[in-house]
Amino acid sequence: MLDFAFLDILTGDKRGLLSRKFFLDTVAPLFYRPRVKKIVNLNPLAINGYQVLMPLGKGNWSALNGDTRGRLWRESGQLAEEFGLPVLAVNRALRFDPVQQAISVPVTWGNYFILALALVLAEEVINHYGADKLFLVGDFPGLPGLISLLGDKGVPIVVQSFHPGRYEHIAHHMLYDQGVAMSVGYFHPGSWSPGDAVLLFDASYHRFILGKKGSLLIGLTDDSRNHAPELEQSLAHQKVDGSLKNLAPILEAHLVTARRPPGHYPQKKVALDWTPAFASTPSPGAGRFTHPAFSGLKAAGSSPGDQEGGLDPADLAVSDTPYSTSRIVSYRLVADKILAVRQEGERLNLWGFFLDKDFRALYNTIQGIEVAK
């Protein structure tokens, strides 16, 4: 039984005459259209899915015009539908594409999985190793929801970014609404001390911290690896990149499909413009519950689970535009969805793959980060 489809691209760009911009839009729908490549097995979890390969690299994909990309998106979704697969996990290298709305099946990018993983790892650091401060570095959609969940851990939270002004309103709101000890500042690795823990969400910051020692640095960027060695090795043996760009959407798809009966998924278009935005006012109904007492499964306006125990892929559809003004969604609702993913991962014993219980250590630290060339 197959659980999902996985849309992948090449690790490097196509070269040669046909890869030039002048020819690419013409030949891509003929020669580079998505195709079912092979079955991908994650044996430790006993899950299987089709790898749908788009035989183009990230640079080739960016060079295509919007109409061509939209056509290839639609064909990718149609392949998943033809095989009756309920969800399409997508390589995170494609997540900024504005024509992704063309896809006709539910899509997972792994955003909520990464945020849930960050919550699990941060709690491990705080509870077992201690941390004077917790630094969250870089821009990532839904980050305020994660901060909301970390607010009661007794550790000051510092958000550092090249654009700190984006977080000032949410910091003010959380301070007075939840009492979260959160501060915002410009990216400054020199402010990190040996007793601090740093979660890095954006690869563009990595080159500024090369050689930085002392703080515990955990990479949660798309190209980071060594998060779950057993799972990553399972993918590597099948010649699939095991970095977070692939692992996160595949595992999010696994959480979505877990324990759902055949035919449970309606065939419907999924709006992919739902964006956690920084709101100074909670959405209607959100004020009725306050962290940490509010339920992760009964929040107003969200439906992160059902009675069969799975997650609805539509609930996890989220674009990667971190700061959208088109729709305001309370960070509390985002926190609910993070909690739902985390709880489903606990039910399936997934998080144990990410924690080295033998040595009481975390797998992914600065030594495990790899930067895309």
Protein backbone atom coordinates (compact mmCIF):
# COMPACT_ATOMS: atom_id res chain seq x y z
CA MET A 1 0.00 0.00 0.00
CA LEU A 2 1.31 3.44 -0.95
CA ASP A 3 0.85 6.32 1.46
CA PHE A 4 1.82 9.41 -0.52
CA ALA A 5 3.52 10.84 -3.59
CA PHE A 6 6.73 12.84 -3.31
CA LEU A 7 7.56 15.51 -5.89
CA ASP A 8 11.33 15.79 -6.22
CA ILE A 9 13.73 17.69 -8.47
CA LEU A 10 17.34 17.17 -9.49
CA THR A 11 20.08 18.23 -7.10
CA GLY A 12 21.86 20.04 -9.98
CA ASP A 13 20.65 21.91 -13.05
CA LYS A 14 20.33 20.42 -16.52
CA ARG A 15 23.12 21.60 -18.81
CA GLY A 16 23.45 21.91 -22.54
CA LEU A 17 21.59 23.58 -25.36
CA LEU A 18 18.09 22.50 -24.32
CA SER A 19 18.58 23.95 -20.85
CA ARG A 20 18.98 27.48 -22.16
CA LYS A 21 16.16 29.88 -21.45
CA PHE A 22 15.32 30.26 -25.15
CA PHE A 23 14.55 26.54 -25.52
CA LEU A 24 13.59 25.55 -21.99
CA ASP A 25 9.96 26.71 -22.04
CA THR A 26 9.41 24.82 -25.28
CA VAL A 27 11.07 21.53 -24.41
CA ALA A 28 10.20 21.28 -20.70
CA PRO A 29 6.56 20.17 -21.25
CA LEU A 30 7.83 17.49 -23.66
CA PHE A 31 11.10 16.19 -22.22
CA TYR A 32 11.16 17.39 -18.61
CA ARG A 33 7.61 16.70 -17.51
CA PRO A 34 7.12 15.00 -14.12
CA ARG A 35 7.17 11.20 -14.13
CA VAL A 36 6.86 8.44 -11.59
CA LYS A 37 10.46 7.42 -10.96
CA LYS A 38 10.35 4.77 -8.24
CA ILE A 39 8.84 3.70 -4.96
CA VAL A 40 10.50 5.32 -1.94
CA ASN A 41 10.51 3.25 1.25
CA LEU A 42 11.11 4.53 4.73
CA ASN A 43 11.58 1.07 6.19
CA PRO A 44 12.00 2.15 9.85
CA LEU A 45 8.50 3.62 9.68
CA ALA A 46 7.02 1.03 7.29
CA ILE A 47 5.76 3.68 4.85
CA ASN A 48 5.99 3.81 1.07
CA GLY A 49 5.39 6.44 -1.56
CA TYR A 50 5.97 7.18 -5.21
CA GLN A 51 8.79 9.53 -6.10
CA VAL A 52 7.47 11.84 -8.80
CA LEU A 53 10.60 13.30 -10.38
CA MET A 54 10.71 16.63 -12.16
CA PRO A 55 13.96 16.16 -14.16
CA LEU A 56 15.04 19.78 -13.73
CA GLY A 57 17.22 21.56 -11.21
CA LYS A 58 16.17 24.51 -9.08
CA GLY A 59 17.82 26.99 -11.45
CA ASN A 60 16.13 25.43 -14.49
CA TRP A 61 12.79 25.59 -12.70
CA SER A 62 13.23 29.28 -11.85
CA ALA A 63 14.06 30.05 -15.50
CA LEU A 64 10.72 28.69 -16.74
CA ASN A 65 7.87 31.12 -17.32
CA GLY A 66 4.85 30.98 -15.06
CA ASP A 67 2.56 29.23 -17.57
CA THR A 68 5.04 26.40 -18.08
CA ARG A 69 5.59 25.94 -14.35
CA GLY A 70 1.84 25.94 -13.80
CA ARG A 71 1.42 23.19 -16.40
CA LEU A 72 4.11 21.05 -14.74
CA TRP A 73 2.51 21.63 -11.33
CA ARG A 74 -0.85 20.43 -12.65
CA GLU A 75 0.70 17.33 -14.19
CA SER A 76 2.40 16.51 -10.88
CA GLY A 77 -0.91 16.68 -9.06
CA GLN A 78 -2.62 14.61 -11.74
CA LEU A 79 -0.05 11.84 -11.31
CA ALA A 80 -0.83 11.67 -7.60
CA GLU A 81 -4.56 11.56 -8.37
CA GLU A 82 -4.17 8.84 -10.99
CA PHE A 83 -2.53 6.55 -8.45
CA GLY A 84 -5.13 7.42 -5.83
CA LEU A 85 -2.56 8.94 -3.48
CA PRO A 86 -4.05 11.29 -0.89
CA VAL A 87 -1.29 13.84 -0.50
CA LEU A 88 1.71 15.19 -2.40
CA ALA A 89 4.85 15.93 -0.41
CA VAL A 90 7.02 18.46 -2.26
CA ASN A 91 10.76 19.14 -2.16
CA ARG A 92 11.08 22.38 -0.23
CA ALA A 93 13.29 23.88 -2.92
CA LEU A 94 10.04 24.58 -4.84
CA ARG A 95 8.12 26.17 -1.99
CA PHE A 96 8.51 29.81 -3.08
CA ASP A 97 6.93 29.22 -6.48
CA PRO A 98 3.92 31.56 -6.86
CA VAL A 99 2.07 29.21 -9.26
CA GLN A 100 1.85 26.32 -6.80
CA GLN A 101 -1.91 26.96 -6.50
CA ALA A 102 -2.31 25.04 -9.75
CA ILE A 103 -1.91 21.73 -7.94
CA SER A 104 -5.14 19.80 -7.43
CA VAL A 105 -4.30 17.55 -4.45
CA PRO A 106 -3.39 18.42 -0.87
CA VAL A 107 0.27 19.40 -0.58
CA THR A 108 2.68 19.19 2.35
CA TRP A 109 5.85 21.25 2.44
CA GLY A 110 7.01 20.28 5.91
CA ASN A 111 6.63 23.73 7.48
CA TYR A 112 4.63 22.49 10.44
CA PHE A 113 6.82 19.43 10.81
CA ILE A 114 9.91 21.66 11.11
CA LEU A 115 8.18 23.84 13.71
CA ALA A 116 7.06 20.77 15.67
CA LEU A 117 10.59 19.35 15.46
CA ALA A 118 11.96 22.68 16.72
CA LEU A 119 9.56 22.45 19.67
CA VAL A 120 10.68 18.88 20.48
CA LEU A 121 14.39 19.74 20.24
CA ALA A 122 14.04 22.97 22.21
CA GLU A 123 12.26 21.12 25.02
CA GLU A 124 15.00 18.48 25.00
CA VAL A 125 17.68 21.16 25.31
CA ILE A 126 15.86 22.98 28.09
CA ASN A 127 14.85 19.93 30.11
CA HIS A 128 18.02 17.84 29.86
CA TYR A 129 20.89 20.18 29.09
CA GLY A 130 19.79 23.54 30.38
CA ALA A 131 19.85 26.78 28.44
CA ASP A 132 20.35 30.33 29.64
CA LYS A 133 18.60 31.72 26.56
CA LEU A 134 16.95 30.31 23.47
CA PHE A 135 17.81 32.13 20.23
CA LEU A 136 15.57 31.69 17.18
CA VAL A 137 17.48 32.91 14.12
CA GLY A 138 16.06 33.70 10.71
CA ASP A 139 12.65 34.17 9.16
CA PHE A 140 10.24 31.26 8.94
CA PRO A 141 6.45 31.14 8.41
CA GLY A 142 4.58 30.37 11.62
CA LEU A 143 7.49 31.22 13.92
CA PRO A 144 5.28 33.24 16.32
CA GLY A 145 3.23 30.10 16.92
CA LEU A 146 6.38 28.26 18.01
CA ILE A 147 7.34 31.14 20.29
CA SER A 148 3.90 30.97 21.85
CA LEU A 149 4.46 27.31 22.74
CA LEU A 150 7.95 27.91 24.10
CA GLY A 151 6.83 30.84 26.24
CA ASP A 152 6.13 28.82 29.39
CA LYS A 153 9.45 26.94 29.46
CA GLY A 154 11.11 29.43 31.79
CA VAL A 155 13.84 30.38 29.34
CA PRO A 156 14.09 33.86 27.76
CA ILE A 157 13.50 33.77 24.00
CA VAL A 158 15.42 36.01 21.64
CA VAL A 159 14.46 36.33 17.98
CA GLN A 160 17.29 37.56 15.77
CA SER A 161 16.79 38.54 12.16
CA PHE A 162 18.11 40.81 9.45
CA HIS A 163 14.62 42.37 9.63
CA PRO A 164 13.81 42.57 13.36
CA GLY A 165 11.07 45.13 12.82
CA ARG A 166 8.89 42.36 11.45
CA TYR A 167 8.67 40.80 14.90
CA GLU A 168 8.14 43.87 17.06
CA HIS A 169 4.34 43.79 17.00
CA ILE A 170 4.14 40.10 17.84
CA ALA A 171 6.71 40.54 20.64
CA HIS A 172 4.60 43.34 22.15
CA HIS A 173 1.44 41.28 21.77
CA MET A 174 2.92 38.17 23.38
CA LEU A 175 4.43 40.09 26.26
CA TYR A 176 1.14 41.67 27.27
CA ASP A 177 -1.17 38.83 26.23
CA GLN A 178 0.81 35.79 27.39
CA GLY A 179 3.61 37.20 29.49
CA VAL A 180 6.23 35.61 27.21
CA ALA A 181 9.76 36.81 27.96
CA MET A 182 10.58 37.51 24.32
CA SER A 183 12.94 40.07 22.85
CA VAL A 184 13.77 40.95 19.27
CA GLY A 185 17.09 42.09 17.87
CA TYR A 186 19.25 42.34 14.79
CA PHE A 187 21.22 39.22 13.91
CA HIS A 188 24.33 39.25 16.10
CA PRO A 189 26.18 35.95 16.76
CA GLY A 190 28.53 37.77 19.12
CA SER A 191 25.66 38.00 21.62
CA TRP A 192 25.48 34.21 21.98
CA SER A 193 27.07 32.74 25.08
CA PRO A 194 28.23 29.16 25.77
CA GLY A 195 25.11 28.48 27.84
CA ASP A 196 22.73 29.50 25.06
CA ALA A 197 20.93 27.31 22.53
CA VAL A 198 20.41 28.56 18.98
CA LEU A 199 17.85 27.27 16.46
CA LEU A 200 18.79 28.34 12.92
CA PHE A 201 15.89 28.43 10.44
CA ASP A 202 17.38 30.27 7.47
CA ALA A 203 20.42 29.06 5.52
CA SER A 204 21.30 32.60 4.40
CA TYR A 205 22.53 33.29 7.96
CA HIS A 206 24.86 30.31 8.08
CA ARG A 207 27.87 31.90 6.38
CA PHE A 208 27.99 34.57 9.08
CA ILE A 209 28.43 32.03 11.87
CA LEU A 210 31.05 29.73 10.38
CA GLY A 211 33.67 29.16 13.04
CA LYS A 212 31.38 30.33 15.83
CA LYS A 213 31.94 28.05 18.84
CA GLY A 214 30.52 27.72 22.30
CA SER A 215 26.74 27.88 21.85
CA LEU A 216 24.69 24.83 21.01
CA LEU A 217 23.60 25.49 17.42
CA ILE A 218 20.91 23.32 15.83
CA GLY A 219 20.32 23.70 12.10
CA LEU A 220 16.72 23.55 10.90
CA THR A 221 17.40 24.88 7.41
CA ASP A 222 16.38 23.04 4.26
CA ASP A 223 19.89 21.72 3.61
CA SER A 224 20.62 20.63 7.16
CA ARG A 225 20.96 16.93 7.80
CA ASN A 226 21.91 14.47 10.53
CA HIS A 227 18.58 15.06 12.25
CA ALA A 228 17.43 11.44 12.14
CA PRO A 229 20.36 9.34 10.86
CA GLU A 230 18.38 6.11 10.52
CA LEU A 231 15.68 7.74 8.40
CA GLU A 232 18.15 9.74 6.34
CA GLN A 233 20.26 6.68 5.60
CA SER A 234 17.14 4.86 4.44
CA LEU A 235 16.56 7.61 1.88
CA ALA A 236 20.24 7.83 0.92
CA HIS A 237 20.32 4.10 0.07
CA GLN A 238 17.59 4.84 -2.48
CA LYS A 239 19.54 7.81 -3.90
CA VAL A 240 17.16 10.36 -2.38
CA ASP A 241 18.61 13.39 -0.61
CA GLY A 242 17.94 12.91 3.09
CA SER A 243 18.32 16.54 4.10
CA LEU A 244 15.43 18.39 5.72
CA LYS A 245 14.20 19.70 2.36
CA ASN A 246 12.93 16.19 1.59
CA LEU A 247 12.65 14.59 5.01
CA ALA A 248 10.29 17.22 6.44
CA PRO A 249 7.60 17.10 3.72
CA ILE A 250 7.76 13.29 3.52
CA LEU A 251 7.28 12.90 7.28
CA GLU A 252 4.56 15.54 7.34
CA ALA A 253 2.79 13.53 4.63
CA HIS A 254 3.22 10.44 6.82
CA LEU A 255 1.54 12.21 9.74
CA VAL A 256 -1.27 13.37 7.47
CA THR A 257 -2.01 9.91 6.10
CA ALA A 258 -1.63 7.93 9.33
CA ARG A 259 -4.65 5.84 10.32
CA ARG A 260 -6.94 7.21 7.61
CA PRO A 261 -9.24 4.73 5.87
CA PRO A 262 -9.17 4.37 2.06
CA GLY A 263 -11.26 6.96 0.28
CA HIS A 264 -11.18 9.31 3.28
CA TYR A 265 -9.68 12.15 1.25
CA PRO A 266 -12.01 14.20 -0.90
CA GLN A 267 -10.62 15.22 -4.26
CA LYS A 268 -10.53 18.98 -3.92
CA LYS A 269 -8.35 21.92 -4.62
CA VAL A 270 -6.47 23.15 -1.59
CA ALA A 271 -5.89 26.86 -1.17
CA LEU A 272 -2.20 27.35 -0.60
CA ASP A 273 -2.28 31.04 0.27
CA TRP A 274 -3.05 30.48 3.96
CA THR A 275 -0.20 32.32 5.63
CA PRO A 276 0.53 32.74 9.33
CA ALA A 277 0.83 36.50 9.55
CA PHE A 278 1.91 38.72 12.41
CA ALA A 279 -1.32 39.98 13.89
CA SER A 280 -1.65 42.47 16.70
CA THR A 281 -5.16 41.17 17.40
CA PRO A 282 -6.10 37.49 17.73
CA SER A 283 -8.65 36.11 15.29
CA PRO A 284 -12.26 35.79 16.49
CA GLY A 285 -12.63 33.11 19.12
CA ALA A 286 -8.92 32.84 19.84
CA GLY A 287 -9.22 34.88 23.02
CA ARG A 288 -11.23 32.15 24.71
CA PHE A 289 -8.14 30.09 25.43
CA THR A 290 -4.72 31.03 26.70
CA HIS A 291 -1.50 29.04 26.49
CA PRO A 292 -0.59 26.70 28.10
CA ALA A 293 -4.13 25.69 29.03
CA PHE A 294 -5.67 25.82 25.57
CA SER A 295 -6.29 22.57 23.72
CA GLY A 296 -4.27 21.67 20.63
CA LEU A 297 -7.24 19.83 19.18
CA LYS A 298 -10.22 22.10 19.88
CA ALA A 299 -9.04 25.59 19.05
CA ALA A 300 -11.54 27.87 17.45
CA GLY A 301 -11.13 28.03 13.72
CA SER A 302 -8.85 25.02 13.38
CA SER A 303 -9.36 21.31 12.87
CA PRO A 304 -5.94 19.70 13.18
CA GLY A 305 -7.26 16.20 13.68
CA ASP A 306 -10.26 13.97 13.29
CA GLN A 307 -11.69 11.00 15.08
CA GLU A 308 -9.60 8.58 13.02
CA GLY A 309 -6.53 10.16 14.55
CA GLY A 310 -4.96 11.72 11.45
CA LEU A 311 -4.31 15.29 10.40
CA ASP A 312 -6.22 16.99 7.63
CA PRO A 313 -3.80 18.01 4.86
CA ALA A 314 -5.88 21.11 4.20
CA ASP A 315 -5.12 22.27 7.74
CA LEU A 316 -1.40 22.06 7.04
CA ALA A 317 -1.49 23.89 3.72
CA VAL A 318 0.60 27.00 4.28
CA SER A 319 2.55 29.23 1.96
CA ASP A 320 6.13 30.21 2.64
CA THR A 321 5.57 33.94 2.55
CA PRO A 322 6.45 34.74 6.17
CA TYR A 323 4.79 38.14 6.27
CA SER A 324 1.50 38.36 4.44
CA THR A 325 -1.03 41.16 4.71
CA SER A 326 -3.63 39.35 2.57
CA ARG A 327 -4.96 37.31 5.49
CA ILE A 328 -4.43 37.69 9.24
CA VAL A 329 -4.30 34.43 11.16
CA SER A 330 -3.75 34.39 14.89
CA TYR A 331 -0.48 32.88 16.06
CA ARG A 332 -2.59 30.90 18.51
CA LEU A 333 -4.16 28.92 15.67
CA VAL A 334 -0.73 28.28 14.21
CA ALA A 335 0.35 27.01 17.63
CA ASP A 336 -2.58 24.60 17.59
CA LYS A 337 -1.43 23.11 14.31
CA ILE A 338 2.13 22.75 15.58
CA LEU A 339 0.80 20.96 18.64
CA ALA A 340 -1.31 18.67 16.46
CA VAL A 341 1.73 17.62 14.43
CA ARG A 342 3.78 17.15 17.57
CA GLN A 343 1.07 15.02 19.20
CA GLU A 344 0.61 12.86 16.12
CA GLY A 345 4.37 12.35 16.01
CA GLU A 346 4.28 11.21 19.63
CA ARG A 347 1.48 8.78 18.89
CA LEU A 348 3.53 7.24 16.08
CA ASN A 349 6.77 7.24 18.12
CA LEU A 350 8.38 9.41 15.47
CA TRP A 351 10.41 11.80 17.62
CA GLY A 352 12.62 9.04 18.99
CA PHE A 353 14.37 8.95 15.60
CA PHE A 354 15.53 12.54 16.23
CA LEU A 355 16.92 12.09 19.74
CA ASP A 356 20.03 10.09 20.58
CA LYS A 357 18.80 8.38 23.73
CA ASP A 358 21.98 6.33 24.19
CA PHE A 359 24.21 9.36 24.58
CA ARG A 360 21.64 11.90 25.81
CA ALA A 361 22.58 14.23 23.01
CA LEU A 362 21.01 15.86 20.01
CA TYR A 363 22.00 14.58 16.61
CA ASN A 364 21.98 17.83 14.68
CA THR A 365 24.39 20.49 15.88
CA ILE A 366 26.75 22.81 14.01
CA GLN A 367 28.87 19.80 13.04
CA GLY A 368 25.94 18.27 11.21
CA ILE A 369 25.00 21.29 9.11
CA GLU A 370 25.80 21.20 5.42
CA VAL A 371 25.44 24.24 3.22
CA ALA A 372 24.20 23.90 -0.34
CA LYS A 373 26.94 24.69 -2.80
